[in-house]
Protein backbone atom coordinates (compact mmCIF):
# COMPACT_ATOMS: atom_id res chain seq x y z
CA MET A 1 -62.00 214.01 34.80
CA LEU A 2 -60.73 210.58 33.80
CA THR A 3 -57.10 210.81 34.89
CA ASP A 4 -54.55 208.29 36.10
CA ASP A 5 -55.34 209.39 39.66
CA TYR A 6 -59.05 208.74 39.08
CA PHE A 7 -58.56 205.17 37.88
CA MET A 8 -55.89 204.43 40.50
CA ALA A 9 -58.31 205.61 43.19
CA MET A 10 -60.74 202.98 41.92
CA ALA A 11 -57.99 200.33 42.15
CA LEU A 12 -57.24 201.52 45.69
CA GLN A 13 -60.90 201.04 46.65
CA LEU A 14 -60.72 197.45 45.38
CA ALA A 15 -57.49 196.94 47.32
CA GLU A 16 -59.08 198.23 50.50
CA GLU A 17 -62.01 195.86 50.09
CA ALA A 18 -59.59 192.96 49.57
CA GLY A 19 -57.71 193.90 52.73
CA ASP A 20 -60.96 193.97 54.68
CA GLU A 21 -61.52 190.37 53.54
CA GLY A 22 -58.06 189.24 54.67
CA GLU A 23 -56.41 189.39 51.26
CA ILE A 24 -53.20 191.31 50.65
CA PRO A 25 -54.67 194.67 49.58
CA VAL A 26 -53.93 194.94 45.88
CA GLY A 27 -56.44 196.17 43.34
CA ALA A 28 -56.33 196.36 39.56
CA VAL A 29 -58.45 198.13 36.96
CA VAL A 30 -58.19 197.72 33.18
CA VAL A 31 -59.25 200.68 31.06
CA CYS A 32 -59.75 200.74 27.31
CA ARG A 33 -60.59 204.02 25.56
CA ASN A 34 -61.38 205.71 28.89
CA ARG A 35 -63.82 202.93 29.84
CA ILE A 36 -63.33 200.42 32.62
CA ILE A 37 -63.58 196.96 31.10
CA ALA A 38 -62.28 194.89 34.03
CA LYS A 39 -61.46 195.20 37.68
CA ALA A 40 -60.23 192.79 40.31
CA ALA A 41 -58.57 192.47 43.69
CA ASN A 42 -56.34 189.76 45.12
CA GLN A 43 -58.26 186.55 45.80
CA THR A 44 -55.49 184.12 46.72
CA GLU A 45 -57.01 183.35 50.13
CA ARG A 46 -60.62 183.17 48.92
CA LEU A 47 -59.78 180.87 46.02
CA GLY A 48 -56.91 179.01 47.66
CA ASP A 49 -54.91 179.81 44.54
CA VAL A 50 -51.48 181.43 44.69
CA THR A 51 -51.94 182.73 41.14
CA ALA A 52 -55.15 184.67 41.92
CA HIS A 53 -53.39 188.02 41.89
CA ALA A 54 -55.43 191.12 41.07
CA GLU A 55 -53.50 191.70 37.84
CA LEU A 56 -54.07 188.19 36.51
CA LEU A 57 -57.77 188.24 37.34
CA ALA A 58 -58.15 191.65 35.68
CA ILE A 59 -56.24 190.54 32.56
CA THR A 60 -58.49 187.50 32.20
CA ALA A 61 -61.66 189.56 32.62
CA ALA A 62 -60.44 192.20 30.13
CA ALA A 63 -59.51 189.58 27.53
CA GLN A 64 -62.94 187.98 27.89
CA HIS A 65 -64.62 191.37 27.59
CA LEU A 66 -62.72 192.24 24.41
CA GLY A 67 -62.75 188.74 22.95
CA SER A 68 -59.00 189.00 22.45
CA LYS A 69 -55.94 187.77 24.30
CA TYR A 70 -54.11 190.99 23.44
CA LEU A 71 -54.68 194.18 25.43
CA THR A 72 -52.57 196.56 23.34
CA ASP A 73 -55.11 199.40 23.58
CA CYS A 74 -55.56 198.99 27.34
CA THR A 75 -54.11 200.50 30.49
CA LEU A 76 -53.74 198.43 33.65
CA TYR A 77 -53.90 200.40 36.91
CA VAL A 78 -52.49 198.40 39.80
CA THR A 79 -51.86 199.55 43.37
CA LEU A 80 -48.66 197.52 43.86
CA GLU A 81 -45.86 196.85 41.40
CA PRO A 82 -46.60 193.50 39.74
CA CYS A 83 -44.54 190.45 40.64
CA VAL A 84 -42.52 188.58 38.04
CA MET A 85 -45.38 186.13 37.41
CA CYS A 86 -47.80 188.96 36.69
CA ALA A 87 -45.22 190.80 34.58
CA GLY A 88 -44.93 187.68 32.42
CA ALA A 89 -48.69 187.64 31.89
CA LEU A 90 -48.65 191.36 31.12
CA PHE A 91 -45.94 190.69 28.52
CA TRP A 92 -47.98 187.96 26.82
CA ALA A 93 -51.14 190.10 26.89
CA GLN A 94 -49.12 192.95 25.37
CA VAL A 95 -50.76 195.48 27.68
CA GLY A 96 -50.20 198.90 26.13
CA ARG A 97 -49.74 200.83 29.33
CA ILE A 98 -49.26 199.99 32.99
CA VAL A 99 -49.75 202.50 35.80
CA VAL A 100 -48.32 201.39 39.15
CA GLY A 101 -48.98 202.78 42.60
CA ALA A 102 -46.45 201.55 45.16
CA PRO A 103 -43.12 199.91 44.34
CA ASP A 104 -42.39 196.38 45.55
CA PRO A 105 -38.62 196.22 46.10
CA LYS A 106 -38.73 192.63 47.38
CA ARG A 107 -40.92 190.89 44.80
CA GLY A 108 -41.62 193.44 42.06
CA PHE A 109 -40.65 192.87 38.46
CA SER A 110 -38.46 196.00 38.29
CA ARG A 111 -35.70 194.09 40.07
CA LEU A 112 -35.08 192.26 36.80
CA LYS A 113 -32.89 193.63 34.05
CA PRO A 114 -33.83 193.70 31.27
CA SER A 115 -37.45 194.40 32.08
CA PRO A 116 -39.80 191.43 31.65
CA LEU A 117 -42.51 193.73 30.24
CA HIS A 118 -43.29 193.85 26.54
CA PRO A 119 -40.98 196.37 24.84
CA LYS A 120 -43.97 198.38 23.56
CA THR A 121 -45.54 198.69 27.03
CA ASN A 122 -45.47 202.18 28.50
CA LEU A 123 -44.84 202.14 32.27
CA ILE A 124 -45.84 204.90 34.69
CA SER A 125 -44.89 204.47 38.36
CA GLY A 126 -45.76 206.24 41.59
CA VAL A 127 -49.41 207.21 40.99
CA LEU A 128 -51.01 207.49 44.44
CA ALA A 129 -47.99 205.60 45.78
CA ASP A 130 -48.29 207.04 49.30
CA GLU A 131 -51.91 205.92 49.58
CA SER A 132 -51.05 202.45 48.27
CA LEU A 133 -48.14 202.08 50.67
CA ALA A 134 -50.23 203.28 53.62
CA LEU A 135 -52.89 200.68 52.85
CA LEU A 136 -50.30 197.89 52.66
CA MET A 137 -48.54 199.01 55.85
CA LYS A 138 -51.85 199.15 57.74
CA PHE A 139 -52.74 195.65 56.55
CA PHE A 140 -49.42 194.07 57.53
CA LYS A 141 -49.32 195.94 60.84
CA GLY A 142 -52.72 194.44 61.61
CA LEU A 143 -51.37 190.95 60.92
CA ARG A 144 -48.49 191.47 63.36
CA THR A 145 -50.64 192.71 66.25
């Protein structure tokens, strides 16, 4: 069944692979009409680019796939709440729906009021949040030891 949990599990797999490569483990999947059209994981270390967040890479790939800068009929699944930079890109892309795994109380966009997301964007939070948090905690614990 193609549920939010199903697509978030795919984003979690991408995040785990990114963590194994030394990237902060965040994965993103873009779905349009129940079909995956883009997927990405953080690549800031690999590319030496602070803007190479999973969300931005996935937005770019989805826009190229559709031949449109607007993603109004798309859902972005992302394992960690997007930062303000990514939220701005999500606004401009007019992503129709965003499904978030773990919250990011330090750098996440939800700290801002009013929300930086497009007013027509539907936001769902907490999908596989425990799994997303566990992956992040394992990664950062490994950096400290």
